[in-house]
Amino acid sequence: MTFAITGVTGFVGSFLARFLAGRGHTIVGIGRRALPEDNLLRSILETYQCIPLESSADLHSWWKIDCLIHGAYDTHPGREEINLQGTARLAHLARENGVKQQILLSSYAALRPASSGYAQIKAALEQSLRSVAATVVRPGLIIGEGGLYGRMRSFILKYPILPLLNGGANRVPLVDITDLSLAVEYISKDIATGAFNLFMEDVPTLREVLTEIRSKCRRQTLFVPVPTLVALAPIALAERAGIRLSITTNNLRGLVSNDQVAVRSDLSTFIPNPRAWRDCIH
């Protein structure tokens, strides 16, 4: 199959591109910046095209695409409408040019859109892409080398003391990035439609996750319980001042609100034996 992946230079997009290419698929990459000549993705991409979400540019090779995976998301403040309109524009172009399948990489957070601005946009994207019959994939917190999980791990490696939201009592749905990629491949081959929640059946608390990371990293980081509102206040002030931090209010609100959603996981539908979360943490 030939896949086009938006956001191909990001954490999930780049892993998915490498994974699918390794499984014998052809990958067309779409990103919002020019791809440097020394970028390792060049060795696996058939082509790469710079199409920012706010651009009116069109893809040159729609005719060869079997599945378009929407993975682009601009996290900069004030880009909410661009995320929504840019993704919808590409989705409609793909449909008009005969692309048979589209997959939206949404988020578990979209199940509770009132929890954060990020969740609201992901939920709005799901609604918008219904018009092109896109399949929706809602992963939990993705265990891999980047994203929020990667930042949590880097904090434990770097700092001796870390605040722990609500004492770490909130439960966090998790999915390994390899299992997520396998599920996406299965969905594309089966042309499965609808919305699928992809996370492990065993949903640990935030404290359990951080404690396991600390153990695997052989650190002795001290976790200090902090009320969520206390942790949110300085980050919100920094965001209003235009200061970009590695953790955002969207991240924190998502972590504490995920356990307020009660849905079943569809992961075992595509992965008969998904990895246990403790085995994925390194």
C-alpha atoms as a PDB file:
ATOM      1  CA  MET A   1       0.000   0.000   0.000  1.00  0.00           C
ATOM      2  CA  THR A   2       0.979   3.616  -0.428  1.00  0.00           C
ATOM      3  CA  PHE A   3       0.427   5.838   2.595  1.00  0.00           C
ATOM      4  CA  ALA A   4       0.562   9.627   2.753  1.00  0.00           C
ATOM      5  CA  ILE A   5       1.292  10.829   6.298  1.00  0.00           C
ATOM      6  CA  THR A   6       0.844  14.437   7.411  1.00  0.00           C
ATOM      7  CA  GLY A   7       3.017  15.534  10.308  1.00  0.00           C
ATOM      8  CA  VAL A   8       5.565  12.965   9.139  1.00  0.00           C
ATOM      9  CA  THR A   9       8.459  14.674  10.932  1.00  0.00           C
ATOM     10  CA  GLY A  10       6.718  14.566  14.321  1.00  0.00           C
ATOM     11  CA  PHE A  11       7.035  11.956  17.070  1.00  0.00           C
ATOM     12  CA  VAL A  12       4.186   9.687  15.974  1.00  0.00           C
ATOM     13  CA  GLY A  13       4.323  10.498  12.253  1.00  0.00           C
ATOM     14  CA  SER A  14       8.019   9.700  11.892  1.00  0.00           C
ATOM     15  CA  PHE A  15       7.743   6.442  13.837  1.00  0.00           C
ATOM     16  CA  LEU A  16       4.705   5.395  11.819  1.00  0.00           C
ATOM     17  CA  ALA A  17       6.531   6.179   8.571  1.00  0.00           C
ATOM     18  CA  ARG A  18       9.545   4.066   9.578  1.00  0.00           C
ATOM     19  CA  PHE A  19       7.323   1.254  10.833  1.00  0.00           C
ATOM     20  CA  LEU A  20       5.143   1.056   7.715  1.00  0.00           C
ATOM     21  CA  ALA A  21       8.134   1.373   5.384  1.00  0.00           C
ATOM     22  CA  GLY A  22       9.761  -1.502   7.271  1.00  0.00           C
ATOM     23  CA  ARG A  23       6.646  -3.568   6.605  1.00  0.00           C
ATOM     24  CA  GLY A  24       7.011  -3.063   2.856  1.00  0.00           C
ATOM     25  CA  HIS A  25       4.687  -0.090   2.334  1.00  0.00           C
ATOM     26  CA  THR A  26       5.429   3.036   0.297  1.00  0.00           C
ATOM     27  CA  ILE A  27       5.400   6.316   2.221  1.00  0.00           C
ATOM     28  CA  VAL A  28       4.700   9.819   0.943  1.00  0.00           C
ATOM     29  CA  GLY A  29       5.591  12.360   3.609  1.00  0.00           C
ATOM     30  CA  ILE A  30       3.838  15.686   4.176  1.00  0.00           C
ATOM     31  CA  GLY A  31       5.201  18.299   6.581  1.00  0.00           C
ATOM     32  CA  ARG A  32       5.047  22.008   7.270  1.00  0.00           C
ATOM     33  CA  ARG A  33       8.767  22.694   6.797  1.00  0.00           C
ATOM     34  CA  ALA A  34      11.372  21.792   4.210  1.00  0.00           C
ATOM     35  CA  LEU A  35      13.020  18.468   5.023  1.00  0.00           C
ATOM     36  CA  PRO A  36      16.789  18.859   5.619  1.00  0.00           C
ATOM     37  CA  GLU A  37      19.040  16.903   3.282  1.00  0.00           C
ATOM     38  CA  ASP A  38      20.550  14.945   6.198  1.00  0.00           C
ATOM     39  CA  ASN A  39      17.168  13.950   7.698  1.00  0.00           C
ATOM     40  CA  LEU A  40      17.048  10.157   8.054  1.00  0.00           C
ATOM     41  CA  LEU A  41      13.451  10.086   6.823  1.00  0.00           C
ATOM     42  CA  ARG A  42      14.734  10.802   3.313  1.00  0.00           C
ATOM     43  CA  SER A  43      15.989   7.225   3.082  1.00  0.00           C
ATOM     44  CA  ILE A  44      12.499   5.738   3.581  1.00  0.00           C
ATOM     45  CA  LEU A  45      10.177   8.298   1.964  1.00  0.00           C
ATOM     46  CA  GLU A  46       9.336   7.913  -1.689  1.00  0.00           C
ATOM     47  CA  THR A  47       8.627  11.644  -1.818  1.00  0.00           C
ATOM     48  CA  TYR A  48       8.253  14.520   0.634  1.00  0.00           C
ATOM     49  CA  GLN A  49       6.171  17.638   0.097  1.00  0.00           C
ATOM     50  CA  CYS A  50       6.060  20.740   2.265  1.00  0.00           C
ATOM     51  CA  ILE A  51       2.383  21.597   2.786  1.00  0.00           C
ATOM     52  CA  PRO A  52       1.783  23.690   5.928  1.00  0.00           C
ATOM     53  CA  LEU A  53      -1.739  23.404   7.331  1.00  0.00           C
ATOM     54  CA  GLU A  54      -2.418  27.046   6.454  1.00  0.00           C
ATOM     55  CA  SER A  55      -1.198  26.535   2.885  1.00  0.00           C
ATOM     56  CA  SER A  56      -3.422  26.265  -0.187  1.00  0.00           C
ATOM     57  CA  ALA A  57      -0.923  23.915  -1.873  1.00  0.00           C
ATOM     58  CA  ASP A  58      -2.040  20.570  -3.232  1.00  0.00           C
ATOM     59  CA  LEU A  59      -0.321  17.183  -3.136  1.00  0.00           C
ATOM     60  CA  HIS A  60       1.296  16.252  -6.452  1.00  0.00           C
ATOM     61  CA  SER A  61       0.690  12.511  -6.172  1.00  0.00           C
ATOM     62  CA  TRP A  62      -2.882  11.925  -4.968  1.00  0.00           C
ATOM     63  CA  TRP A  63      -3.371   9.366  -7.716  1.00  0.00           C
ATOM     64  CA  LYS A  64      -1.006   6.876  -6.071  1.00  0.00           C
ATOM     65  CA  ILE A  65      -2.245   7.214  -2.458  1.00  0.00           C
ATOM     66  CA  ASP A  66      -4.257   4.349  -0.949  1.00  0.00           C
ATOM     67  CA  CYS A  67      -4.552   5.804   2.573  1.00  0.00           C
ATOM     68  CA  LEU A  68      -4.061   9.301   3.973  1.00  0.00           C
ATOM     69  CA  ILE A  69      -3.105   9.414   7.657  1.00  0.00           C
ATOM     70  CA  HIS A  70      -3.782  12.745   9.338  1.00  0.00           C
ATOM     71  CA  GLY A  71      -1.050  13.157  11.936  1.00  0.00           C
ATOM     72  CA  ALA A  72      -0.299  16.887  11.676  1.00  0.00           C
ATOM     73  CA  TYR A  73      -1.095  19.097  14.653  1.00  0.00           C
ATOM     74  CA  ASP A  74       0.450  22.510  15.292  1.00  0.00           C
ATOM     75  CA  THR A  75       0.864  22.965  19.051  1.00  0.00           C
ATOM     76  CA  HIS A  76       1.675  26.685  18.895  1.00  0.00           C
ATOM     77  CA  PRO A  77      -0.851  28.935  20.677  1.00  0.00           C
ATOM     78  CA  GLY A  78      -3.537  30.456  18.486  1.00  0.00           C
ATOM     79  CA  ARG A  79      -3.282  27.764  15.798  1.00  0.00           C
ATOM     80  CA  GLU A  80      -6.506  25.963  16.686  1.00  0.00           C
ATOM     81  CA  GLU A  81      -8.482  27.087  13.625  1.00  0.00           C
ATOM     82  CA  ILE A  82      -5.524  26.410  11.349  1.00  0.00           C
ATOM     83  CA  ASN A  83      -5.353  22.828  12.658  1.00  0.00           C
ATOM     84  CA  LEU A  84      -9.055  22.383  12.014  1.00  0.00           C
ATOM     85  CA  GLN A  85      -9.335  24.098   8.641  1.00  0.00           C
ATOM     86  CA  GLY A  86      -6.027  22.810   7.248  1.00  0.00           C
ATOM     87  CA  THR A  87      -6.777  19.186   8.088  1.00  0.00           C
ATOM     88  CA  ALA A  88     -10.313  19.441   6.691  1.00  0.00           C
ATOM     89  CA  ARG A  89      -8.978  20.995   3.466  1.00  0.00           C
ATOM     90  CA  LEU A  90      -6.540  18.129   2.861  1.00  0.00           C
ATOM     91  CA  ALA A  91      -9.216  15.577   3.753  1.00  0.00           C
ATOM     92  CA  HIS A  92     -11.589  16.948   1.118  1.00  0.00           C
ATOM     93  CA  LEU A  93      -8.821  17.177  -1.482  1.00  0.00           C
ATOM     94  CA  ALA A  94      -7.989  13.538  -0.839  1.00  0.00           C
ATOM     95  CA  ARG A  95     -11.618  12.479  -1.264  1.00  0.00           C
ATOM     96  CA  GLU A  96     -11.995  14.517  -4.458  1.00  0.00           C
ATOM     97  CA  ASN A  97      -8.861  12.848  -5.853  1.00  0.00           C
ATOM     98  CA  GLY A  98     -10.047   9.321  -5.167  1.00  0.00           C
ATOM     99  CA  VAL A  99      -8.115   8.379  -2.021  1.00  0.00           C
ATOM    100  CA  LYS A 100     -10.019   5.364  -0.702  1.00  0.00           C
ATOM    101  CA  GLN A 101      -9.251   5.629   2.977  1.00  0.00           C
ATOM    102  CA  GLN A 102      -8.380   8.282   5.544  1.00  0.00           C
ATOM    103  CA  ILE A 103      -7.328   7.789   9.147  1.00  0.00           C
ATOM    104  CA  LEU A 104      -7.367  10.588  11.721  1.00  0.00           C
ATOM    105  CA  LEU A 105      -4.891  10.229  14.576  1.00  0.00           C
ATOM    106  CA  SER A 106      -7.059  11.780  17.255  1.00  0.00           C
ATOM    107  CA  SER A 107      -6.653  11.347  21.014  1.00  0.00           C
ATOM    108  CA  TYR A 108      -8.292   9.681  23.979  1.00  0.00           C
ATOM    109  CA  ALA A 109      -8.666  13.246  25.291  1.00  0.00           C
ATOM    110  CA  ALA A 110     -11.249  13.949  22.562  1.00  0.00           C
ATOM    111  CA  LEU A 111     -13.734  11.830  24.512  1.00  0.00           C
ATOM    112  CA  ARG A 112     -13.879  14.666  27.043  1.00  0.00           C
ATOM    113  CA  PRO A 113     -13.587  17.793  24.877  1.00  0.00           C
ATOM    114  CA  ALA A 114     -14.301  20.224  27.698  1.00  0.00           C
ATOM    115  CA  SER A 115     -11.090  19.198  29.486  1.00  0.00           C
ATOM    116  CA  SER A 116      -8.689  21.285  27.332  1.00  0.00           C
ATOM    117  CA  GLY A 117      -8.302  23.281  24.145  1.00  0.00           C
ATOM    118  CA  TYR A 118      -6.387  20.380  22.599  1.00  0.00           C
ATOM    119  CA  ALA A 119      -9.254  17.982  23.360  1.00  0.00           C
ATOM    120  CA  GLN A 120     -11.766  20.421  21.863  1.00  0.00           C
ATOM    121  CA  ILE A 121      -9.858  20.649  18.567  1.00  0.00           C
ATOM    122  CA  LYS A 122      -9.377  16.875  18.345  1.00  0.00           C
ATOM    123  CA  ALA A 123     -13.109  16.372  18.932  1.00  0.00           C
ATOM    124  CA  ALA A 124     -13.889  19.035  16.311  1.00  0.00           C
ATOM    125  CA  LEU A 125     -11.565  17.307  13.831  1.00  0.00           C
ATOM    126  CA  GLU A 126     -13.384  14.025  14.405  1.00  0.00           C
ATOM    127  CA  GLN A 127     -16.683  15.741  13.681  1.00  0.00           C
ATOM    128  CA  SER A 128     -15.336  17.524  10.605  1.00  0.00           C
ATOM    129  CA  LEU A 129     -13.809  14.415   9.029  1.00  0.00           C
ATOM    130  CA  ARG A 130     -17.038  12.449   9.315  1.00  0.00           C
ATOM    131  CA  SER A 131     -17.966  14.053   5.999  1.00  0.00           C
ATOM    132  CA  VAL A 132     -15.160  12.086   4.300  1.00  0.00           C
ATOM    133  CA  ALA A 133     -15.875   8.904   6.298  1.00  0.00           C
ATOM    134  CA  ALA A 134     -12.451   9.012   7.968  1.00  0.00           C
ATOM    135  CA  THR A 135     -11.595   6.293  10.468  1.00  0.00           C
ATOM    136  CA  VAL A 136     -10.799   7.785  13.882  1.00  0.00           C
ATOM    137  CA  VAL A 137      -8.025   6.383  16.061  1.00  0.00           C
ATOM    138  CA  ARG A 138      -7.929   7.578  19.690  1.00  0.00           C
ATOM    139  CA  PRO A 139      -4.704   6.456  21.372  1.00  0.00           C
ATOM    140  CA  GLY A 140      -4.048   6.824  25.057  1.00  0.00           C
ATOM    141  CA  LEU A 141      -0.756   8.312  26.263  1.00  0.00           C
ATOM    142  CA  ILE A 142       1.760   6.933  23.767  1.00  0.00           C
ATOM    143  CA  ILE A 143       4.835   5.207  25.178  1.00  0.00           C
ATOM    144  CA  GLY A 144       7.791   5.982  22.927  1.00  0.00           C
ATOM    145  CA  GLU A 145      10.801   8.224  22.465  1.00  0.00           C
ATOM    146  CA  GLY A 146       8.866  11.476  22.231  1.00  0.00           C
ATOM    147  CA  GLY A 147       5.616  13.176  23.103  1.00  0.00           C
ATOM    148  CA  LEU A 148       4.384  13.729  26.633  1.00  0.00           C
ATOM    149  CA  TYR A 149       5.686  10.350  27.791  1.00  0.00           C
ATOM    150  CA  GLY A 150       9.162  11.208  26.501  1.00  0.00           C
ATOM    151  CA  ARG A 151       9.100  14.525  28.358  1.00  0.00           C
ATOM    152  CA  MET A 152       8.003  12.824  31.578  1.00  0.00           C
ATOM    153  CA  ARG A 153      10.919  10.411  31.254  1.00  0.00           C
ATOM    154  CA  SER A 154      13.391  13.239  30.557  1.00  0.00           C
ATOM    155  CA  PHE A 155      12.217  15.094  33.679  1.00  0.00           C
ATOM    156  CA  ILE A 156      12.916  12.041  35.824  1.00  0.00           C
ATOM    157  CA  LEU A 157      16.383  11.727  34.291  1.00  0.00           C
ATOM    158  CA  LYS A 158      17.104  15.414  34.858  1.00  0.00           C
ATOM    159  CA  TYR A 159      15.496  16.524  38.129  1.00  0.00           C
ATOM    160  CA  PRO A 160      15.856  15.124  41.679  1.00  0.00           C
ATOM    161  CA  ILE A 161      12.427  16.442  42.767  1.00  0.00           C
ATOM    162  CA  LEU A 162       9.225  16.585  40.707  1.00  0.00           C
ATOM    163  CA  PRO A 163       5.651  17.693  41.477  1.00  0.00           C
ATOM    164  CA  LEU A 164       3.055  14.930  41.293  1.00  0.00           C
ATOM    165  CA  LEU A 165      -0.407  16.062  40.216  1.00  0.00           C
ATOM    166  CA  ASN A 166      -3.081  15.075  42.741  1.00  0.00           C
ATOM    167  CA  GLY A 167      -0.558  12.730  44.282  1.00  0.00           C
ATOM    168  CA  GLY A 168      -0.559  10.719  41.054  1.00  0.00           C
ATOM    169  CA  ALA A 169      -3.979   9.214  41.785  1.00  0.00           C
ATOM    170  CA  ASN A 170      -5.445   9.801  38.317  1.00  0.00           C
ATOM    171  CA  ARG A 171      -5.432   6.825  35.959  1.00  0.00           C
ATOM    172  CA  VAL A 172      -3.646   7.138  32.630  1.00  0.00           C
ATOM    173  CA  PRO A 173      -4.609   4.993  29.607  1.00  0.00           C
ATOM    174  CA  LEU A 174      -1.450   3.914  27.782  1.00  0.00           C
ATOM    175  CA  VAL A 175      -0.530   2.445  24.418  1.00  0.00           C
ATOM    176  CA  ASP A 176       2.864   1.361  23.100  1.00  0.00           C
ATOM    177  CA  ILE A 177       3.808   3.162  19.885  1.00  0.00           C
ATOM    178  CA  THR A 178       4.596  -0.120  18.109  1.00  0.00           C
ATOM    179  CA  ASP A 179       1.202  -1.585  19.022  1.00  0.00           C
ATOM    180  CA  LEU A 180      -0.439   1.647  17.861  1.00  0.00           C
ATOM    181  CA  SER A 181       1.370   1.391  14.527  1.00  0.00           C
ATOM    182  CA  LEU A 182       0.360  -2.264  14.121  1.00  0.00           C
ATOM    183  CA  ALA A 183      -3.261  -1.330  14.789  1.00  0.00           C
ATOM    184  CA  VAL A 184      -3.141   1.485  12.211  1.00  0.00           C
ATOM    185  CA  GLU A 185      -1.728  -0.922   9.625  1.00  0.00           C
ATOM    186  CA  TYR A 186      -4.444  -3.478  10.408  1.00  0.00           C
ATOM    187  CA  ILE A 187      -7.167  -0.831  10.138  1.00  0.00           C
ATOM    188  CA  SER A 188      -5.820   0.326   6.778  1.00  0.00           C
ATOM    189  CA  LYS A 189      -5.682  -3.193   5.342  1.00  0.00           C
ATOM    190  CA  ASP A 190      -9.111  -4.136   6.633  1.00  0.00           C
ATOM    191  CA  ILE A 191     -10.509  -0.709   5.719  1.00  0.00           C
ATOM    192  CA  ALA A 192     -12.121  -0.668   9.144  1.00  0.00           C
ATOM    193  CA  THR A 193     -14.417   2.300   9.666  1.00  0.00           C
ATOM    194  CA  GLY A 194     -15.693   4.075  12.752  1.00  0.00           C
ATOM    195  CA  ALA A 195     -13.819   5.232  15.855  1.00  0.00           C
ATOM    196  CA  PHE A 196     -11.415   3.068  17.844  1.00  0.00           C
ATOM    197  CA  ASN A 197     -10.053   3.688  21.334  1.00  0.00           C
ATOM    198  CA  LEU A 198      -6.562   2.226  21.542  1.00  0.00           C
ATOM    199  CA  PHE A 199      -5.110   1.677  24.992  1.00  0.00           C
ATOM    200  CA  MET A 200      -4.068  -1.198  27.227  1.00  0.00           C
ATOM    201  CA  GLU A 201      -6.741  -2.882  29.326  1.00  0.00           C
ATOM    202  CA  ASP A 202      -4.677  -2.392  32.487  1.00  0.00           C
ATOM    203  CA  VAL A 203      -4.902   1.342  33.177  1.00  0.00           C
ATOM    204  CA  PRO A 204      -2.335   2.383  35.825  1.00  0.00           C
ATOM    205  CA  THR A 205      -2.249   5.519  37.930  1.00  0.00           C
ATOM    206  CA  LEU A 206       0.097   8.366  37.078  1.00  0.00           C
ATOM    207  CA  ARG A 207       2.106   7.534  40.207  1.00  0.00           C
ATOM    208  CA  GLU A 208       2.531   3.935  39.063  1.00  0.00           C
ATOM    209  CA  VAL A 209       3.728   5.061  35.638  1.00  0.00           C
ATOM    210  CA  LEU A 210       6.232   7.576  37.002  1.00  0.00           C
ATOM    211  CA  THR A 211       7.465   5.143  39.655  1.00  0.00           C
ATOM    212  CA  GLU A 212       8.089   2.505  36.978  1.00  0.00           C
ATOM    213  CA  ILE A 213       9.965   5.023  34.806  1.00  0.00           C
ATOM    214  CA  ARG A 214      12.048   6.026  37.840  1.00  0.00           C
ATOM    215  CA  SER A 215      12.869   2.385  38.547  1.00  0.00           C
ATOM    216  CA  LYS A 216      13.814   1.558  34.942  1.00  0.00           C
ATOM    217  CA  CYS A 217      15.959   4.713  34.751  1.00  0.00           C
ATOM    218  CA  ARG A 218      17.626   3.847  38.067  1.00  0.00           C
ATOM    219  CA  ARG A 219      16.871   7.204  39.589  1.00  0.00           C
ATOM    220  CA  GLN A 220      15.753   8.248  43.054  1.00  0.00           C
ATOM    221  CA  THR A 221      13.564  11.176  42.039  1.00  0.00           C
ATOM    222  CA  LEU A 222      11.361  12.429  44.861  1.00  0.00           C
ATOM    223  CA  PHE A 223       7.718  12.928  43.881  1.00  0.00           C
ATOM    224  CA  VAL A 224       5.978  15.712  45.803  1.00  0.00           C
ATOM    225  CA  PRO A 225       2.137  15.667  45.721  1.00  0.00           C
ATOM    226  CA  VAL A 226       0.751  18.963  44.382  1.00  0.00           C
ATOM    227  CA  PRO A 227      -2.899  19.980  43.760  1.00  0.00           C
ATOM    228  CA  THR A 228      -3.606  20.353  40.055  1.00  0.00           C
ATOM    229  CA  LEU A 229      -4.627  24.010  40.356  1.00  0.00           C
ATOM    230  CA  VAL A 230      -1.318  24.859  42.042  1.00  0.00           C
ATOM    231  CA  ALA A 231       0.624  23.205  39.209  1.00  0.00           C
ATOM    232  CA  LEU A 232      -1.513  24.810  36.499  1.00  0.00           C
ATOM    233  CA  ALA A 233      -1.179  28.411  37.717  1.00  0.00           C
ATOM    234  CA  PRO A 234       2.497  29.135  36.844  1.00  0.00           C
ATOM    235  CA  ILE A 235       2.272  27.272  33.526  1.00  0.00           C
ATOM    236  CA  ALA A 236      -0.840  29.225  32.558  1.00  0.00           C
ATOM    237  CA  LEU A 237       0.958  32.489  33.411  1.00  0.00           C
ATOM    238  CA  ALA A 238       3.926  31.488  31.247  1.00  0.00           C
ATOM    239  CA  GLU A 239       1.633  30.644  28.338  1.00  0.00           C
ATOM    240  CA  ARG A 240      -0.144  33.993  28.600  1.00  0.00           C
ATOM    241  CA  ALA A 241       3.266  35.672  28.500  1.00  0.00           C
ATOM    242  CA  GLY A 242       4.113  33.812  25.289  1.00  0.00           C
ATOM    243  CA  ILE A 243       6.693  31.534  26.944  1.00  0.00           C
ATOM    244  CA  ARG A 244       6.749  28.003  25.488  1.00  0.00           C
ATOM    245  CA  LEU A 245       7.359  25.267  28.031  1.00  0.00           C
ATOM    246  CA  SER A 246       7.898  21.533  27.527  1.00  0.00           C
ATOM    247  CA  ILE A 247       4.722  20.858  29.565  1.00  0.00           C
ATOM    248  CA  THR A 248       1.516  22.745  28.786  1.00  0.00           C
ATOM    249  CA  THR A 249      -1.768  23.314  30.555  1.00  0.00           C
ATOM    250  CA  ASN A 250      -3.338  21.079  27.898  1.00  0.00           C
ATOM    251  CA  ASN A 251      -0.971  18.272  28.942  1.00  0.00           C
ATOM    252  CA  LEU A 252      -1.809  18.626  32.635  1.00  0.00           C
ATOM    253  CA  ARG A 253      -5.552  18.920  32.142  1.00  0.00           C
ATOM    254  CA  GLY A 254      -5.483  15.860  29.923  1.00  0.00           C
ATOM    255  CA  LEU A 255      -3.598  13.792  32.492  1.00  0.00           C
ATOM    256  CA  VAL A 256      -6.075  14.517  35.267  1.00  0.00           C
ATOM    257  CA  SER A 257      -9.242  14.202  33.178  1.00  0.00           C
ATOM    258  CA  ASN A 258      -8.584  10.977  31.267  1.00  0.00           C
ATOM    259  CA  ASP A 259      -9.798   8.751  34.093  1.00  0.00           C
ATOM    260  CA  GLN A 260     -13.166  10.527  34.050  1.00  0.00           C
ATOM    261  CA  VAL A 261     -14.036   8.803  30.765  1.00  0.00           C
ATOM    262  CA  ALA A 262     -15.381   5.237  30.878  1.00  0.00           C
ATOM    263  CA  VAL A 263     -14.975   3.506  27.513  1.00  0.00           C
ATOM    264  CA  ARG A 264     -13.742   0.102  26.487  1.00  0.00           C
ATOM    265  CA  SER A 265     -10.498  -0.386  24.611  1.00  0.00           C
ATOM    266  CA  ASP A 266     -10.500  -1.670  21.038  1.00  0.00           C
ATOM    267  CA  LEU A 267      -6.780  -2.468  21.028  1.00  0.00           C
ATOM    268  CA  SER A 268      -7.210  -6.232  21.380  1.00  0.00           C
ATOM    269  CA  THR A 269      -9.441  -6.204  18.279  1.00  0.00           C
ATOM    270  CA  PHE A 270      -6.327  -5.476  16.216  1.00  0.00           C
ATOM    271  CA  ILE A 271      -3.518  -6.699  18.510  1.00  0.00           C
ATOM    272  CA  PRO A 272      -4.407 -10.071  20.087  1.00  0.00           C
ATOM    273  CA  ASN A 273      -1.606  -9.826  22.659  1.00  0.00           C
ATOM    274  CA  PRO A 274      -0.678  -6.189  23.247  1.00  0.00           C
ATOM    275  CA  ARG A 275       2.386  -5.562  25.374  1.00  0.00           C
ATOM    276  CA  ALA A 276       1.911  -4.904  29.098  1.00  0.00           C
ATOM    277  CA  TRP A 277       2.642  -1.314  30.031  1.00  0.00           C
ATOM    278  CA  ARG A 278       5.465  -2.198  32.450  1.00  0.00           C
ATOM    279  CA  ASP A 279       7.232  -4.091  29.636  1.00  0.00           C
ATOM    280  CA  CYS A 280       7.086  -1.038  27.376  1.00  0.00           C
ATOM    281  CA  ILE A 281       8.722   1.357  29.820  1.00  0.00           C
ATOM    282  CA  HIS A 282      12.472   1.642  29.524  1.00  0.00           C
END
